[in-house]
Amino acid sequence: MEEYFEIPVTYKGEQLSFTSRLLLTGYTHKIEVEADGQLLLFEPDEDQNYRALVDEAQVKSFKIDLGLLKAIAEVIESTRK
């Protein structure tokens, strides 16, 4: 059974909420976040800071502000500390 949760983000003075779910993969995990109709994956790096996994083809058709990706990653990181 998949469990979804909301990630609340304040970005440019606006309160946003993103439907997300935890994906367990071996010894690590990823967080799938739905933003603007796109599914984005966030994973921890070696320092346990989160980064969005975006390939080059996605960047060209990206509708999402890169600052918003950073804001989502910061909220995810804050829940781990």
N, C-alpha and C. Protein backbone atom coordinates (compact mmCIF):
# COMPACT_ATOMS: atom_id res chain seq x y z
N MET A 1 0.84 -1.18 0.00
CA MET A 1 0.00 0.00 0.00
C MET A 1 0.89 1.25 0.00
N GLU A 2 0.64 2.12 -0.94
CA GLU A 2 1.43 3.35 -1.04
C GLU A 2 0.82 4.41 -0.15
N GLU A 3 1.68 5.07 0.60
CA GLU A 3 1.21 6.16 1.45
C GLU A 3 1.74 7.48 0.92
N TYR A 4 0.85 8.38 0.68
CA TYR A 4 1.22 9.71 0.19
C TYR A 4 1.17 10.69 1.34
N PHE A 5 1.98 11.73 1.24
CA PHE A 5 2.00 12.79 2.25
C PHE A 5 2.21 14.11 1.54
N GLU A 6 1.93 15.17 2.23
CA GLU A 6 2.06 16.51 1.67
C GLU A 6 3.35 17.17 2.17
N ILE A 7 4.02 17.86 1.27
CA ILE A 7 5.19 18.67 1.64
C ILE A 7 4.77 20.13 1.50
N PRO A 8 4.67 20.85 2.63
CA PRO A 8 4.30 22.27 2.58
C PRO A 8 5.53 23.13 2.33
N VAL A 9 5.43 24.03 1.36
CA VAL A 9 6.56 24.88 0.99
C VAL A 9 6.07 26.32 0.88
N THR A 10 6.81 27.24 1.48
CA THR A 10 6.55 28.66 1.27
C THR A 10 7.56 29.13 0.24
N TYR A 11 7.06 29.62 -0.90
CA TYR A 11 7.95 30.05 -1.98
C TYR A 11 7.42 31.35 -2.56
N LYS A 12 8.26 32.36 -2.58
CA LYS A 12 7.91 33.69 -3.07
C LYS A 12 6.65 34.22 -2.39
N GLY A 13 6.58 33.99 -1.07
CA GLY A 13 5.47 34.49 -0.28
C GLY A 13 4.17 33.71 -0.42
N GLU A 14 4.20 32.61 -1.14
CA GLU A 14 3.00 31.81 -1.37
C GLU A 14 3.13 30.45 -0.69
N GLN A 15 2.05 30.01 -0.03
CA GLN A 15 2.02 28.69 0.60
C GLN A 15 1.64 27.66 -0.45
N LEU A 16 2.49 26.67 -0.67
CA LEU A 16 2.24 25.61 -1.64
C LEU A 16 2.29 24.27 -0.92
N SER A 17 1.64 23.27 -1.50
CA SER A 17 1.66 21.93 -0.93
C SER A 17 1.82 20.94 -2.07
N PHE A 18 2.74 19.99 -1.90
CA PHE A 18 3.03 19.02 -2.95
C PHE A 18 2.80 17.60 -2.46
N THR A 19 2.02 16.84 -3.22
CA THR A 19 1.78 15.44 -2.91
C THR A 19 3.06 14.66 -3.18
N SER A 20 3.45 13.83 -2.22
CA SER A 20 4.73 13.13 -2.29
C SER A 20 4.59 11.72 -1.75
N ARG A 21 5.61 10.90 -2.04
CA ARG A 21 5.67 9.57 -1.44
C ARG A 21 7.11 9.13 -1.33
N LEU A 22 7.36 8.28 -0.36
CA LEU A 22 8.69 7.76 -0.10
C LEU A 22 8.90 6.49 -0.92
N LEU A 23 10.02 6.41 -1.63
CA LEU A 23 10.38 5.22 -2.40
C LEU A 23 11.63 4.62 -1.79
N LEU A 24 11.53 3.42 -1.30
CA LEU A 24 12.69 2.74 -0.72
C LEU A 24 13.37 1.94 -1.82
N THR A 25 14.69 2.17 -1.96
CA THR A 25 15.46 1.49 -2.99
C THR A 25 16.75 0.96 -2.38
N GLY A 26 16.76 -0.30 -2.04
CA GLY A 26 17.95 -0.90 -1.44
C GLY A 26 18.30 -0.25 -0.12
N TYR A 27 19.51 0.29 -0.03
CA TYR A 27 19.98 0.90 1.21
C TYR A 27 19.69 2.39 1.28
N THR A 28 19.04 2.91 0.30
CA THR A 28 18.76 4.35 0.29
C THR A 28 17.28 4.58 -0.03
N HIS A 29 16.93 5.80 -0.26
CA HIS A 29 15.54 6.15 -0.56
C HIS A 29 15.50 7.35 -1.49
N LYS A 30 14.34 7.54 -2.09
CA LYS A 30 14.07 8.72 -2.90
C LYS A 30 12.68 9.21 -2.50
N ILE A 31 12.45 10.47 -2.74
CA ILE A 31 11.13 11.03 -2.48
C ILE A 31 10.58 11.53 -3.81
N GLU A 32 9.43 10.99 -4.18
CA GLU A 32 8.77 11.39 -5.41
C GLU A 32 7.80 12.52 -5.08
N VAL A 33 7.93 13.62 -5.80
CA VAL A 33 7.12 14.81 -5.54
C VAL A 33 6.40 15.19 -6.83
N GLU A 34 5.10 15.41 -6.74
CA GLU A 34 4.35 15.88 -7.90
C GLU A 34 4.26 17.40 -7.85
N ALA A 35 4.79 18.04 -8.88
CA ALA A 35 4.77 19.50 -8.95
C ALA A 35 4.42 19.91 -10.37
N ASP A 36 3.39 20.69 -10.51
CA ASP A 36 2.95 21.20 -11.81
C ASP A 36 2.73 20.06 -12.82
N GLY A 37 2.15 18.97 -12.35
CA GLY A 37 1.85 17.85 -13.23
C GLY A 37 3.04 16.97 -13.58
N GLN A 38 4.19 17.26 -13.03
CA GLN A 38 5.39 16.47 -13.29
C GLN A 38 5.81 15.73 -12.03
N LEU A 39 6.31 14.51 -12.21
CA LEU A 39 6.84 13.75 -11.09
C LEU A 39 8.34 13.99 -11.01
N LEU A 40 8.78 14.45 -9.86
CA LEU A 40 10.19 14.75 -9.63
C LEU A 40 10.72 13.84 -8.55
N LEU A 41 11.97 13.42 -8.68
CA LEU A 41 12.60 12.60 -7.65
C LEU A 41 13.66 13.41 -6.93
N PHE A 42 13.66 13.29 -5.61
CA PHE A 42 14.68 13.90 -4.77
C PHE A 42 15.40 12.77 -4.04
N GLU A 43 16.72 12.88 -3.96
CA GLU A 43 17.50 11.87 -3.24
C GLU A 43 18.57 12.56 -2.41
N PRO A 44 18.99 11.91 -1.33
CA PRO A 44 20.07 12.50 -0.52
C PRO A 44 21.42 12.26 -1.18
N ASP A 45 22.30 13.26 -1.09
CA ASP A 45 23.67 13.06 -1.57
C ASP A 45 24.51 12.51 -0.42
N GLU A 46 25.81 12.43 -0.60
CA GLU A 46 26.68 11.84 0.42
C GLU A 46 26.71 12.64 1.73
N ASP A 47 26.32 13.91 1.67
CA ASP A 47 26.26 14.75 2.88
C ASP A 47 24.84 14.83 3.46
N GLN A 48 23.93 14.01 2.92
CA GLN A 48 22.52 13.98 3.34
C GLN A 48 21.77 15.26 3.01
N ASN A 49 22.25 16.00 2.01
CA ASN A 49 21.50 17.12 1.45
C ASN A 49 20.72 16.58 0.27
N TYR A 50 19.51 17.05 0.07
CA TYR A 50 18.67 16.52 -1.00
C TYR A 50 18.87 17.28 -2.30
N ARG A 51 18.80 16.54 -3.38
CA ARG A 51 18.92 17.13 -4.71
C ARG A 51 17.83 16.54 -5.60
N ALA A 52 17.39 17.32 -6.55
CA ALA A 52 16.40 16.85 -7.52
C ALA A 52 17.14 16.13 -8.64
N LEU A 53 16.59 15.01 -9.05
CA LEU A 53 17.15 14.28 -10.18
C LEU A 53 16.42 14.72 -11.43
N VAL A 54 17.09 15.47 -12.26
CA VAL A 54 16.49 16.00 -13.48
C VAL A 54 17.45 15.73 -14.62
N ASP A 55 16.98 15.05 -15.67
CA ASP A 55 17.88 14.81 -16.79
C ASP A 55 17.83 15.99 -17.77
N GLU A 56 18.77 15.99 -18.69
CA GLU A 56 18.92 17.13 -19.60
C GLU A 56 17.68 17.38 -20.44
N ALA A 57 17.01 16.31 -20.87
CA ALA A 57 15.80 16.46 -21.69
C ALA A 57 14.69 17.13 -20.88
N GLN A 58 14.60 16.81 -19.60
CA GLN A 58 13.57 17.43 -18.75
C GLN A 58 13.82 18.92 -18.57
N VAL A 59 15.07 19.31 -18.45
CA VAL A 59 15.40 20.72 -18.21
C VAL A 59 14.87 21.59 -19.34
N LYS A 60 14.96 21.11 -20.58
CA LYS A 60 14.52 21.91 -21.72
C LYS A 60 13.01 22.13 -21.73
N SER A 61 12.26 21.15 -21.22
CA SER A 61 10.80 21.28 -21.22
C SER A 61 10.27 21.63 -19.83
N PHE A 62 11.15 22.07 -18.96
CA PHE A 62 10.80 22.32 -17.56
C PHE A 62 9.95 23.56 -17.42
N LYS A 63 8.85 23.43 -16.69
CA LYS A 63 7.99 24.57 -16.39
C LYS A 63 8.22 25.05 -14.96
N ILE A 64 8.97 24.29 -14.19
CA ILE A 64 9.13 24.57 -12.77
C ILE A 64 10.39 25.41 -12.54
N ASP A 65 10.24 26.44 -11.74
CA ASP A 65 11.35 27.32 -11.37
C ASP A 65 12.38 26.52 -10.57
N LEU A 66 13.63 26.63 -10.94
CA LEU A 66 14.68 25.90 -10.22
C LEU A 66 14.77 26.32 -8.76
N GLY A 67 14.40 27.55 -8.45
CA GLY A 67 14.36 28.00 -7.06
C GLY A 67 13.33 27.22 -6.25
N LEU A 68 12.24 26.84 -6.90
CA LEU A 68 11.22 26.04 -6.23
C LEU A 68 11.76 24.66 -5.90
N LEU A 69 12.55 24.07 -6.80
CA LEU A 69 13.17 22.77 -6.51
C LEU A 69 14.05 22.86 -5.28
N LYS A 70 14.81 23.94 -5.20
CA LYS A 70 15.68 24.14 -4.04
C LYS A 70 14.86 24.29 -2.76
N ALA A 71 13.75 25.02 -2.85
CA ALA A 71 12.88 25.22 -1.68
C ALA A 71 12.28 23.89 -1.21
N ILE A 72 11.87 23.04 -2.14
CA ILE A 72 11.34 21.72 -1.79
C ILE A 72 12.42 20.90 -1.11
N ALA A 73 13.63 20.91 -1.68
CA ALA A 73 14.74 20.15 -1.09
C ALA A 73 15.04 20.63 0.33
N GLU A 74 14.99 21.93 0.55
CA GLU A 74 15.26 22.47 1.89
C GLU A 74 14.22 22.01 2.91
N VAL A 75 12.95 21.93 2.49
CA VAL A 75 11.91 21.46 3.41
C VAL A 75 12.14 19.98 3.73
N ILE A 76 12.49 19.19 2.73
CA ILE A 76 12.76 17.77 2.97
C ILE A 76 13.93 17.63 3.94
N GLU A 77 14.99 18.39 3.72
CA GLU A 77 16.17 18.33 4.60
C GLU A 77 15.80 18.72 6.03
N SER A 78 14.94 19.72 6.19
CA SER A 78 14.60 20.19 7.53
C SER A 78 13.85 19.14 8.34
N THR A 79 13.18 18.22 7.68
CA THR A 79 12.46 17.17 8.41
C THR A 79 13.39 16.10 8.93
N ARG A 80 14.58 16.02 8.40
CA ARG A 80 15.55 14.99 8.82
C ARG A 80 16.43 15.47 9.96
N LYS A 81 16.45 16.75 10.26
CA LYS A 81 17.38 17.28 11.26
C LYS A 81 16.70 17.49 12.58
